[in-house]
């Protein structure tokens, strides 16, 4: 993947993480999982374990998207630096 694609994917990931509907969906799902865990019987170890795995998976998805956003920010910085170097070259400055 080239730096332009990483920049584009990063912007899309940032928009997704900042999207109100996405945030609402993730927060609602997370709270639902916590509520189910809190109301589960103490003896339901398997059910609690499954809820824990679902909560972890939700966090993993968020982290994956956040990492794409971070990579995109680094790509944007790299592109900006390359543009500055090109501008300096045009003016004969090295």
PDB file of N, CA and C in Angstrom:
ATOM      1  N   UNK A   1       0.850  -1.169   0.000  1.00  0.00           N
ATOM      2  CA  UNK A   1       0.000   0.000   0.000  1.00  0.00           C
ATOM      3  C   UNK A   1       0.900   1.237   0.000  1.00  0.00           C
ATOM      4  N   UNK A   2       0.578   2.179  -0.841  1.00  0.00           N
ATOM      5  CA  UNK A   2       1.417   3.377  -0.897  1.00  0.00           C
ATOM      6  C   UNK A   2       0.926   4.441   0.094  1.00  0.00           C
ATOM      7  N   UNK A   3       1.715   5.487   0.217  1.00  0.00           N
ATOM      8  CA  UNK A   3       1.454   6.522   1.225  1.00  0.00           C
ATOM      9  C   UNK A   3       0.135   7.253   0.952  1.00  0.00           C
ATOM     10  N   UNK A   4      -0.246   7.382  -0.309  1.00  0.00           N
ATOM     11  CA  UNK A   4      -1.510   8.045  -0.639  1.00  0.00           C
ATOM     12  C   UNK A   4      -2.701   7.203  -0.186  1.00  0.00           C
ATOM     13  N   UNK A   5      -2.595   5.903  -0.371  1.00  0.00           N
ATOM     14  CA  UNK A   5      -3.664   5.007   0.081  1.00  0.00           C
ATOM     15  C   UNK A   5      -3.758   4.997   1.605  1.00  0.00           C
ATOM     16  N   UNK A   6      -2.608   4.989   2.262  1.00  0.00           N
ATOM     17  CA  UNK A   6      -2.610   5.021   3.729  1.00  0.00           C
ATOM     18  C   UNK A   6      -3.221   6.313   4.244  1.00  0.00           C
ATOM     19  N   UNK A   7      -2.925   7.412   3.582  1.00  0.00           N
ATOM     20  CA  UNK A   7      -3.498   8.705   3.960  1.00  0.00           C
ATOM     21  C   UNK A   7      -5.013   8.668   3.807  1.00  0.00           C
ATOM     22  N   UNK A   8      -5.483   8.157   2.680  1.00  0.00           N
ATOM     23  CA  UNK A   8      -6.922   8.079   2.420  1.00  0.00           C
ATOM     24  C   UNK A   8      -7.626   7.168   3.431  1.00  0.00           C
ATOM     25  N   UNK A   9      -7.059   6.000   3.663  1.00  0.00           N
ATOM     26  CA  UNK A   9      -7.649   5.071   4.634  1.00  0.00           C
ATOM     27  C   UNK A   9      -7.642   5.674   6.037  1.00  0.00           C
ATOM     28  N   UNK A  10      -6.584   6.407   6.354  1.00  0.00           N
ATOM     29  CA  UNK A  10      -6.503   7.046   7.663  1.00  0.00           C
ATOM     30  C   UNK A  10      -7.592   8.084   7.868  1.00  0.00           C
ATOM     31  N   UNK A  11      -7.835   8.872   6.817  1.00  0.00           N
ATOM     32  CA  UNK A  11      -8.910   9.869   6.925  1.00  0.00           C
ATOM     33  C   UNK A  11     -10.265   9.194   7.080  1.00  0.00           C
ATOM     34  N   UNK A  12     -10.482   8.119   6.337  1.00  0.00           N
ATOM     35  CA  UNK A  12     -11.744   7.387   6.448  1.00  0.00           C
ATOM     36  C   UNK A  12     -11.911   6.787   7.847  1.00  0.00           C
ATOM     37  N   UNK A  13     -10.836   6.235   8.383  1.00  0.00           N
ATOM     38  CA  UNK A  13     -10.895   5.645   9.725  1.00  0.00           C
ATOM     39  C   UNK A  13     -11.186   6.710  10.777  1.00  0.00           C
ATOM     40  N   UNK A  14     -10.551   7.872  10.636  1.00  0.00           N
ATOM     41  CA  UNK A  14     -10.791   8.971  11.577  1.00  0.00           C
ATOM     42  C   UNK A  14     -12.246   9.417  11.505  1.00  0.00           C
ATOM     43  N   UNK A  15     -12.764   9.551  10.289  1.00  0.00           N
ATOM     44  CA  UNK A  15     -14.172   9.942  10.127  1.00  0.00           C
ATOM     45  C   UNK A  15     -15.092   8.917  10.767  1.00  0.00           C
ATOM     46  N   UNK A  16     -14.767   7.638  10.594  1.00  0.00           N
ATOM     47  CA  UNK A  16     -15.595   6.587  11.181  1.00  0.00           C
ATOM     48  C   UNK A  16     -15.572   6.658  12.709  1.00  0.00           C
ATOM     49  N   UNK A  17     -14.392   6.809  13.282  1.00  0.00           N
ATOM     50  CA  UNK A  17     -14.282   6.874  14.746  1.00  0.00           C
ATOM     51  C   UNK A  17     -14.987   8.096  15.317  1.00  0.00           C
ATOM     52  N   UNK A  18     -15.064   9.173  14.542  1.00  0.00           N
ATOM     53  CA  UNK A  18     -15.704  10.401  15.006  1.00  0.00           C
ATOM     54  C   UNK A  18     -17.187  10.459  14.629  1.00  0.00           C
ATOM     55  N   UNK A  19     -17.657   9.484  13.869  1.00  0.00           N
ATOM     56  CA  UNK A  19     -19.048   9.460  13.426  1.00  0.00           C
ATOM     57  C   UNK A  19     -19.972   9.184  14.613  1.00  0.00           C
ATOM     58  N   UNK A  20     -20.966  10.033  14.795  1.00  0.00           N
ATOM     59  CA  UNK A  20     -21.859   9.930  15.950  1.00  0.00           C
ATOM     60  C   UNK A  20     -22.624   8.604  15.972  1.00  0.00           C
ATOM     61  N   UNK A  21     -23.080   8.139  14.831  1.00  0.00           N
ATOM     62  CA  UNK A  21     -23.827   6.883  14.796  1.00  0.00           C
ATOM     63  C   UNK A  21     -22.927   5.694  15.130  1.00  0.00           C
ATOM     64  N   UNK A  22     -21.699   5.721  14.635  1.00  0.00           N
ATOM     65  CA  UNK A  22     -20.763   4.639  14.961  1.00  0.00           C
ATOM     66  C   UNK A  22     -20.462   4.644  16.452  1.00  0.00           C
ATOM     67  N   UNK A  23     -20.179   5.827  17.013  1.00  0.00           N
ATOM     68  CA  UNK A  23     -19.895   5.928  18.438  1.00  0.00           C
ATOM     69  C   UNK A  23     -21.085   5.422  19.252  1.00  0.00           C
ATOM     70  N   UNK A  24     -22.292   5.838  18.846  1.00  0.00           N
ATOM     71  CA  UNK A  24     -23.494   5.403  19.560  1.00  0.00           C
ATOM     72  C   UNK A  24     -23.637   3.882  19.512  1.00  0.00           C
ATOM     73  N   UNK A  25     -23.398   3.300  18.339  1.00  0.00           N
ATOM     74  CA  UNK A  25     -23.520   1.848  18.194  1.00  0.00           C
ATOM     75  C   UNK A  25     -22.509   1.118  19.072  1.00  0.00           C
ATOM     76  N   UNK A  26     -21.263   1.560  19.045  1.00  0.00           N
ATOM     77  CA  UNK A  26     -20.215   0.911  19.836  1.00  0.00           C
ATOM     78  C   UNK A  26     -20.494   1.080  21.334  1.00  0.00           C
ATOM     79  N   UNK A  27     -20.836   2.287  21.738  1.00  0.00           N
ATOM     80  CA  UNK A  27     -21.091   2.546  23.161  1.00  0.00           C
ATOM     81  C   UNK A  27     -22.312   1.773  23.662  1.00  0.00           C
ATOM     82  N   UNK A  28     -23.359   1.720  22.841  1.00  0.00           N
ATOM     83  CA  UNK A  28     -24.574   0.996  23.217  1.00  0.00           C
ATOM     84  C   UNK A  28     -24.295  -0.498  23.332  1.00  0.00           C
ATOM     85  N   UNK A  29     -23.560  -1.027  22.366  1.00  0.00           N
ATOM     86  CA  UNK A  29     -23.227  -2.447  22.402  1.00  0.00           C
ATOM     87  C   UNK A  29     -22.357  -2.768  23.620  1.00  0.00           C
ATOM     88  N   UNK A  30     -21.359  -1.934  23.876  1.00  0.00           N
ATOM     89  CA  UNK A  30     -20.478  -2.167  25.029  1.00  0.00           C
ATOM     90  C   UNK A  30     -21.292  -2.138  26.328  1.00  0.00           C
ATOM     91  N   UNK A  31     -22.163  -1.146  26.472  1.00  0.00           N
ATOM     92  CA  UNK A  31     -22.967  -1.051  27.696  1.00  0.00           C
ATOM     93  C   UNK A  31     -23.909  -2.244  27.825  1.00  0.00           C
ATOM     94  N   UNK A  32     -24.455  -2.701  26.706  1.00  0.00           N
ATOM     95  CA  UNK A  32     -25.335  -3.870  26.727  1.00  0.00           C
ATOM     96  C   UNK A  32     -24.584  -5.111  27.197  1.00  0.00           C
ATOM     97  N   UNK A  33     -23.355  -5.272  26.723  1.00  0.00           N
ATOM     98  CA  UNK A  33     -22.544  -6.421  27.154  1.00  0.00           C
ATOM     99  C   UNK A  33     -22.227  -6.340  28.645  1.00  0.00           C
ATOM    100  N   UNK A  34     -21.899  -5.153  29.128  1.00  0.00           N
ATOM    101  CA  UNK A  34     -21.613  -4.975  30.559  1.00  0.00           C
ATOM    102  C   UNK A  34     -22.865  -5.253  31.389  1.00  0.00           C
ATOM    103  N   UNK A  35     -24.004  -4.730  30.927  1.00  0.00           N
ATOM    104  CA  UNK A  35     -25.255  -4.955  31.660  1.00  0.00           C
ATOM    105  C   UNK A  35     -25.598  -6.445  31.731  1.00  0.00           C
ATOM    106  N   UNK A  36     -25.400  -7.155  30.618  1.00  0.00           N
ATOM    107  CA  UNK A  36     -25.667  -8.594  30.610  1.00  0.00           C
ATOM    108  C   UNK A  36     -24.718  -9.320  31.550  1.00  0.00           C
ATOM    109  N   UNK A  37     -23.463  -8.901  31.579  1.00  0.00           N
ATOM    110  CA  UNK A  37     -22.488  -9.525  32.470  1.00  0.00           C
ATOM    111  C   UNK A  37     -22.887  -9.302  33.929  1.00  0.00           C
ATOM    112  N   UNK A  38     -23.269  -8.045  34.246  1.00  0.00           N
ATOM    113  CA  UNK A  38     -23.646  -7.725  35.627  1.00  0.00           C
ATOM    114  C   UNK A  38     -24.887  -8.480  36.078  1.00  0.00           C
ATOM    115  N   UNK A  39     -25.795  -8.750  35.155  1.00  0.00           N
ATOM    116  CA  UNK A  39     -27.034  -9.428  35.535  1.00  0.00           C
ATOM    117  C   UNK A  39     -26.946 -10.950  35.383  1.00  0.00           C
ATOM    118  N   UNK A  40     -25.812 -11.451  34.942  1.00  0.00           N
ATOM    119  CA  UNK A  40     -25.675 -12.901  34.770  1.00  0.00           C
ATOM    120  C   UNK A  40     -25.450 -13.569  36.127  1.00  0.00           C
ATOM    121  N   UNK A  41     -25.951 -14.792  36.255  1.00  0.00           N
ATOM    122  CA  UNK A  41     -25.732 -15.522  37.509  1.00  0.00           C
ATOM    123  C   UNK A  41     -24.236 -15.803  37.711  1.00  0.00           C
ATOM    124  N   UNK A  42     -23.808 -15.769  38.940  1.00  0.00           N
ATOM    125  CA  UNK A  42     -22.400 -16.002  39.276  1.00  0.00           C
ATOM    126  C   UNK A  42     -21.957 -17.382  38.780  1.00  0.00           C
ATOM    127  N   UNK A  43     -22.841 -18.342  38.794  1.00  0.00           N
ATOM    128  CA  UNK A  43     -22.495 -19.706  38.396  1.00  0.00           C
ATOM    129  C   UNK A  43     -22.355 -19.861  36.880  1.00  0.00           C
ATOM    130  N   UNK A  44     -22.785 -18.857  36.105  1.00  0.00           N
ATOM    131  CA  UNK A  44     -22.708 -18.938  34.632  1.00  0.00           C
ATOM    132  C   UNK A  44     -21.338 -18.472  34.143  1.00  0.00           C
ATOM    133  N   UNK A  45     -20.339 -19.235  34.472  1.00  0.00           N
ATOM    134  CA  UNK A  45     -18.958 -18.879  34.123  1.00  0.00           C
ATOM    135  C   UNK A  45     -18.777 -18.854  32.609  1.00  0.00           C
ATOM    136  N   UNK A  46     -19.349 -19.828  31.916  1.00  0.00           N
ATOM    137  CA  UNK A  46     -19.211 -19.882  30.460  1.00  0.00           C
ATOM    138  C   UNK A  46     -19.863 -18.676  29.796  1.00  0.00           C
ATOM    139  N   UNK A  47     -21.044 -18.301  30.253  1.00  0.00           N
ATOM    140  CA  UNK A  47     -21.742 -17.135  29.694  1.00  0.00           C
ATOM    141  C   UNK A  47     -20.964 -15.854  29.952  1.00  0.00           C
ATOM    142  N   UNK A  48     -20.413 -15.720  31.158  1.00  0.00           N
ATOM    143  CA  UNK A  48     -19.610 -14.540  31.481  1.00  0.00           C
ATOM    144  C   UNK A  48     -18.353 -14.491  30.619  1.00  0.00           C
ATOM    145  N   UNK A  49     -17.758 -15.653  30.379  1.00  0.00           N
ATOM    146  CA  UNK A  49     -16.564 -15.712  29.537  1.00  0.00           C
ATOM    147  C   UNK A  49     -16.898 -15.262  28.108  1.00  0.00           C
ATOM    148  N   UNK A  50     -18.030 -15.711  27.589  1.00  0.00           N
ATOM    149  CA  UNK A  50     -18.439 -15.307  26.236  1.00  0.00           C
ATOM    150  C   UNK A  50     -18.683 -13.801  26.157  1.00  0.00           C
ATOM    151  N   UNK A  51     -19.304 -13.241  27.182  1.00  0.00           N
ATOM    152  CA  UNK A  51     -19.529 -11.795  27.209  1.00  0.00           C
ATOM    153  C   UNK A  51     -18.199 -11.047  27.253  1.00  0.00           C
ATOM    154  N   UNK A  52     -17.253 -11.573  27.998  1.00  0.00           N
ATOM    155  CA  UNK A  52     -15.915 -10.963  28.072  1.00  0.00           C
ATOM    156  C   UNK A  52     -15.238 -11.005  26.704  1.00  0.00           C
ATOM    157  N   UNK A  53     -15.358 -12.133  26.005  1.00  0.00           N
ATOM    158  CA  UNK A  53     -14.771 -12.249  24.671  1.00  0.00           C
ATOM    159  C   UNK A  53     -15.418 -11.277  23.686  1.00  0.00           C
ATOM    160  N   UNK A  54     -16.734 -11.117  23.782  1.00  0.00           N
ATOM    161  CA  UNK A  54     -17.427 -10.178  22.898  1.00  0.00           C
ATOM    162  C   UNK A  54     -16.977  -8.743  23.170  1.00  0.00           C
ATOM    163  N   UNK A  55     -16.815  -8.410  24.442  1.00  0.00           N
ATOM    164  CA  UNK A  55     -16.355  -7.073  24.814  1.00  0.00           C
ATOM    165  C   UNK A  55     -14.932  -6.835  24.300  1.00  0.00           C
ATOM    166  N   UNK A  56     -14.093  -7.861  24.425  1.00  0.00           N
ATOM    167  CA  UNK A  56     -12.718  -7.753  23.920  1.00  0.00           C
ATOM    168  C   UNK A  56     -12.712  -7.588  22.405  1.00  0.00           C
ATOM    169  N   UNK A  57     -13.530  -8.338  21.703  1.00  0.00           N
ATOM    170  CA  UNK A  57     -13.605  -8.240  20.243  1.00  0.00           C
ATOM    171  C   UNK A  57     -14.038  -6.842  19.818  1.00  0.00           C
ATOM    172  N   UNK A  58     -14.997  -6.275  20.520  1.00  0.00           N
ATOM    173  CA  UNK A  58     -15.430  -4.908  20.217  1.00  0.00           C
ATOM    174  C   UNK A  58     -14.274  -3.925  20.376  1.00  0.00           C
ATOM    175  N   UNK A  59     -13.515  -4.080  21.445  1.00  0.00           N
ATOM    176  CA  UNK A  59     -12.338  -3.235  21.656  1.00  0.00           C
ATOM    177  C   UNK A  59     -11.278  -3.457  20.587  1.00  0.00           C
ATOM    178  N   UNK A  60     -11.091  -4.708  20.173  1.00  0.00           N
ATOM    179  CA  UNK A  60     -10.117  -5.014  19.118  1.00  0.00           C
ATOM    180  C   UNK A  60     -10.492  -4.342  17.801  1.00  0.00           C
ATOM    181  N   UNK A  61     -11.779  -4.323  17.501  1.00  0.00           N
ATOM    182  CA  UNK A  61     -12.239  -3.662  16.267  1.00  0.00           C
ATOM    183  C   UNK A  61     -11.944  -2.169  16.332  1.00  0.00           C
ATOM    184  N   UNK A  62     -12.269  -1.560  17.466  1.00  0.00           N
ATOM    185  CA  UNK A  62     -11.981  -0.131  17.637  1.00  0.00           C
ATOM    186  C   UNK A  62     -10.488   0.152  17.514  1.00  0.00           C
ATOM    187  N   UNK A  63      -9.664  -0.695  18.107  1.00  0.00           N
ATOM    188  CA  UNK A  63      -8.213  -0.505  18.064  1.00  0.00           C
ATOM    189  C   UNK A  63      -7.687  -0.657  16.640  1.00  0.00           C
ATOM    190  N   UNK A  64      -8.233  -1.592  15.894  1.00  0.00           N
ATOM    191  CA  UNK A  64      -7.819  -1.785  14.501  1.00  0.00           C
ATOM    192  C   UNK A  64      -8.088  -0.515  13.686  1.00  0.00           C
ATOM    193  N   UNK A  65      -9.279   0.035  13.851  1.00  0.00           N
ATOM    194  CA  UNK A  65      -9.633   1.259  13.124  1.00  0.00           C
ATOM    195  C   UNK A  65      -8.762   2.420  13.593  1.00  0.00           C
ATOM    196  N   UNK A  66      -8.519   2.517  14.904  1.00  0.00           N
ATOM    197  CA  UNK A  66      -7.666   3.581  15.441  1.00  0.00           C
ATOM    198  C   UNK A  66      -6.241   3.477  14.902  1.00  0.00           C
ATOM    199  N   UNK A  67      -5.729   2.266  14.757  1.00  0.00           N
ATOM    200  CA  UNK A  67      -4.386   2.082  14.210  1.00  0.00           C
ATOM    201  C   UNK A  67      -4.315   2.518  12.746  1.00  0.00           C
ATOM    202  N   UNK A  68      -5.368   2.253  11.982  1.00  0.00           N
ATOM    203  CA  UNK A  68      -5.415   2.728  10.596  1.00  0.00           C
ATOM    204  C   UNK A  68      -5.411   4.250  10.580  1.00  0.00           C
ATOM    205  N   UNK A  69      -6.156   4.866  11.490  1.00  0.00           N
ATOM    206  CA  UNK A  69      -6.187   6.329  11.575  1.00  0.00           C
ATOM    207  C   UNK A  69      -4.806   6.877  11.913  1.00  0.00           C
ATOM    208  N   UNK A  70      -4.092   6.247  12.842  1.00  0.00           N
ATOM    209  CA  UNK A  70      -2.748   6.702  13.216  1.00  0.00           C
ATOM    210  C   UNK A  70      -1.777   6.549  12.050  1.00  0.00           C
ATOM    211  N   UNK A  71      -1.865   5.436  11.349  1.00  0.00           N
ATOM    212  CA  UNK A  71      -1.004   5.223  10.188  1.00  0.00           C
ATOM    213  C   UNK A  71      -1.298   6.284   9.133  1.00  0.00           C
ATOM    214  N   UNK A  72      -2.562   6.619   8.971  1.00  0.00           N
ATOM    215  CA  UNK A  72      -2.948   7.662   8.018  1.00  0.00           C
ATOM    216  C   UNK A  72      -2.398   9.023   8.406  1.00  0.00           C
ATOM    217  N   UNK A  73      -2.385   9.320   9.687  1.00  0.00           N
ATOM    218  CA  UNK A  73      -1.821  10.596  10.142  1.00  0.00           C
ATOM    219  C   UNK A  73      -0.330  10.655   9.857  1.00  0.00           C
ATOM    220  N   UNK A  74       0.356   9.534  10.067  1.00  0.00           N
ATOM    221  CA  UNK A  74       1.784   9.498   9.759  1.00  0.00           C
ATOM    222  C   UNK A  74       2.016   9.650   8.254  1.00  0.00           C
ATOM    223  N   UNK A  75       1.151   9.036   7.455  1.00  0.00           N
ATOM    224  CA  UNK A  75       1.267   9.161   6.000  1.00  0.00           C
ATOM    225  C   UNK A  75       1.024  10.605   5.573  1.00  0.00           C
ATOM    226  N   UNK A  76       0.053  11.262   6.207  1.00  0.00           N
ATOM    227  CA  UNK A  76      -0.225  12.664   5.883  1.00  0.00           C
ATOM    228  C   UNK A  76       0.978  13.542   6.212  1.00  0.00           C
ATOM    229  N   UNK A  77       1.632  13.273   7.325  1.00  0.00           N
ATOM    230  CA  UNK A  77       2.838  14.028   7.702  1.00  0.00           C
ATOM    231  C   UNK A  77       3.936  13.787   6.676  1.00  0.00           C
ATOM    232  N   UNK A  78       4.097  12.543   6.265  1.00  0.00           N
ATOM    233  CA  UNK A  78       5.109  12.216   5.259  1.00  0.00           C
ATOM    234  C   UNK A  78       4.820  12.934   3.941  1.00  0.00           C
ATOM    235  N   UNK A  79       3.564  12.937   3.521  1.00  0.00           N
ATOM    236  CA  UNK A  79       3.198  13.630   2.286  1.00  0.00           C
ATOM    237  C   UNK A  79       3.469  15.130   2.394  1.00  0.00           C
ATOM    238  N   UNK A  80       3.158  15.699   3.551  1.00  0.00           N
ATOM    239  CA  UNK A  80       3.397  17.118   3.776  1.00  0.00           C
ATOM    240  C   UNK A  80       4.895  17.439   3.694  1.00  0.00           C
ATOM    241  N   UNK A  81       5.698  16.582   4.286  1.00  0.00           N
ATOM    242  CA  UNK A  81       7.152  16.786   4.237  1.00  0.00           C
ATOM    243  C   UNK A  81       7.667  16.682   2.796  1.00  0.00           C
ATOM    244  N   UNK A  82       7.163  15.710   2.064  1.00  0.00           N
ATOM    245  CA  UNK A  82       7.575  15.553   0.669  1.00  0.00           C
ATOM    246  C   UNK A  82       7.194  16.774  -0.157  1.00  0.00           C
ATOM    247  N   UNK A  83       6.022  17.342   0.108  1.00  0.00           N
ATOM    248  CA  UNK A  83       5.589  18.540  -0.606  1.00  0.00           C
ATOM    249  C   UNK A  83       6.490  19.721  -0.275  1.00  0.00           C
ATOM    250  N   UNK A  84       6.883  19.847   0.978  1.00  0.00           N
ATOM    251  CA  UNK A  84       7.778  20.933   1.370  1.00  0.00           C
ATOM    252  C   UNK A  84       9.130  20.795   0.685  1.00  0.00           C
ATOM    253  N   UNK A  85       9.643  19.576   0.619  1.00  0.00           N
ATOM    254  CA  UNK A  85      10.930  19.339  -0.042  1.00  0.00           C
ATOM    255  C   UNK A  85      10.829  19.692  -1.520  1.00  0.00           C
ATOM    256  N   UNK A  86       9.751  19.293  -2.158  1.00  0.00           N
ATOM    257  CA  UNK A  86       9.564  19.606  -3.578  1.00  0.00           C
ATOM    258  C   UNK A  86       9.473  21.112  -3.811  1.00  0.00           C
ATOM    259  N   UNK A  87       8.796  21.798  -2.913  1.00  0.00           N
ATOM    260  CA  UNK A  87       8.670  23.255  -3.028  1.00  0.00           C
ATOM    261  C   UNK A  87      10.041  23.909  -2.899  1.00  0.00           C
ATOM    262  N   UNK A  88      10.838  23.433  -1.943  1.00  0.00           N
ATOM    263  CA  UNK A  88      12.185  23.976  -1.764  1.00  0.00           C
ATOM    264  C   UNK A  88      13.055  23.693  -2.987  1.00  0.00           C
ATOM    265  N   UNK A  89      12.900  22.523  -3.572  1.00  0.00           N
ATOM    266  CA  UNK A  89      13.670  22.187  -4.768  1.00  0.00           C
ATOM    267  C   UNK A  89      13.316  23.128  -5.927  1.00  0.00           C
ATOM    268  N   UNK A  90      12.041  23.470  -6.045  1.00  0.00           N
ATOM    269  CA  UNK A  90      11.607  24.376  -7.111  1.00  0.00           C
ATOM    270  C   UNK A  90      12.229  25.757  -6.978  1.00  0.00           C
ATOM    271  N   UNK A  91      12.483  26.160  -5.736  1.00  0.00           N
ATOM    272  CA  UNK A  91      13.096  27.465  -5.500  1.00  0.00           C
ATOM    273  C   UNK A  91      14.611  27.382  -5.447  1.00  0.00           C
ATOM    274  N   UNK A  92      15.141  26.193  -5.707  1.00  0.00           N
ATOM    275  CA  UNK A  92      16.592  26.015  -5.748  1.00  0.00           C
ATOM    276  C   UNK A  92      17.237  25.902  -4.399  1.00  0.00           C
ATOM    277  N   UNK A  93      16.481  25.630  -3.362  1.00  0.00           N
ATOM    278  CA  UNK A  93      17.019  25.510  -2.023  1.00  0.00           C
ATOM    279  C   UNK A  93      17.123  24.021  -1.685  1.00  0.00           C
ATOM    280  N   UNK A  94      18.250  23.633  -1.141  1.00  0.00           N
ATOM    281  CA  UNK A  94      18.415  22.211  -0.777  1.00  0.00           C
ATOM    282  C   UNK A  94      18.781  22.054   0.652  1.00  0.00           C
TER     283      UNK A  94
END
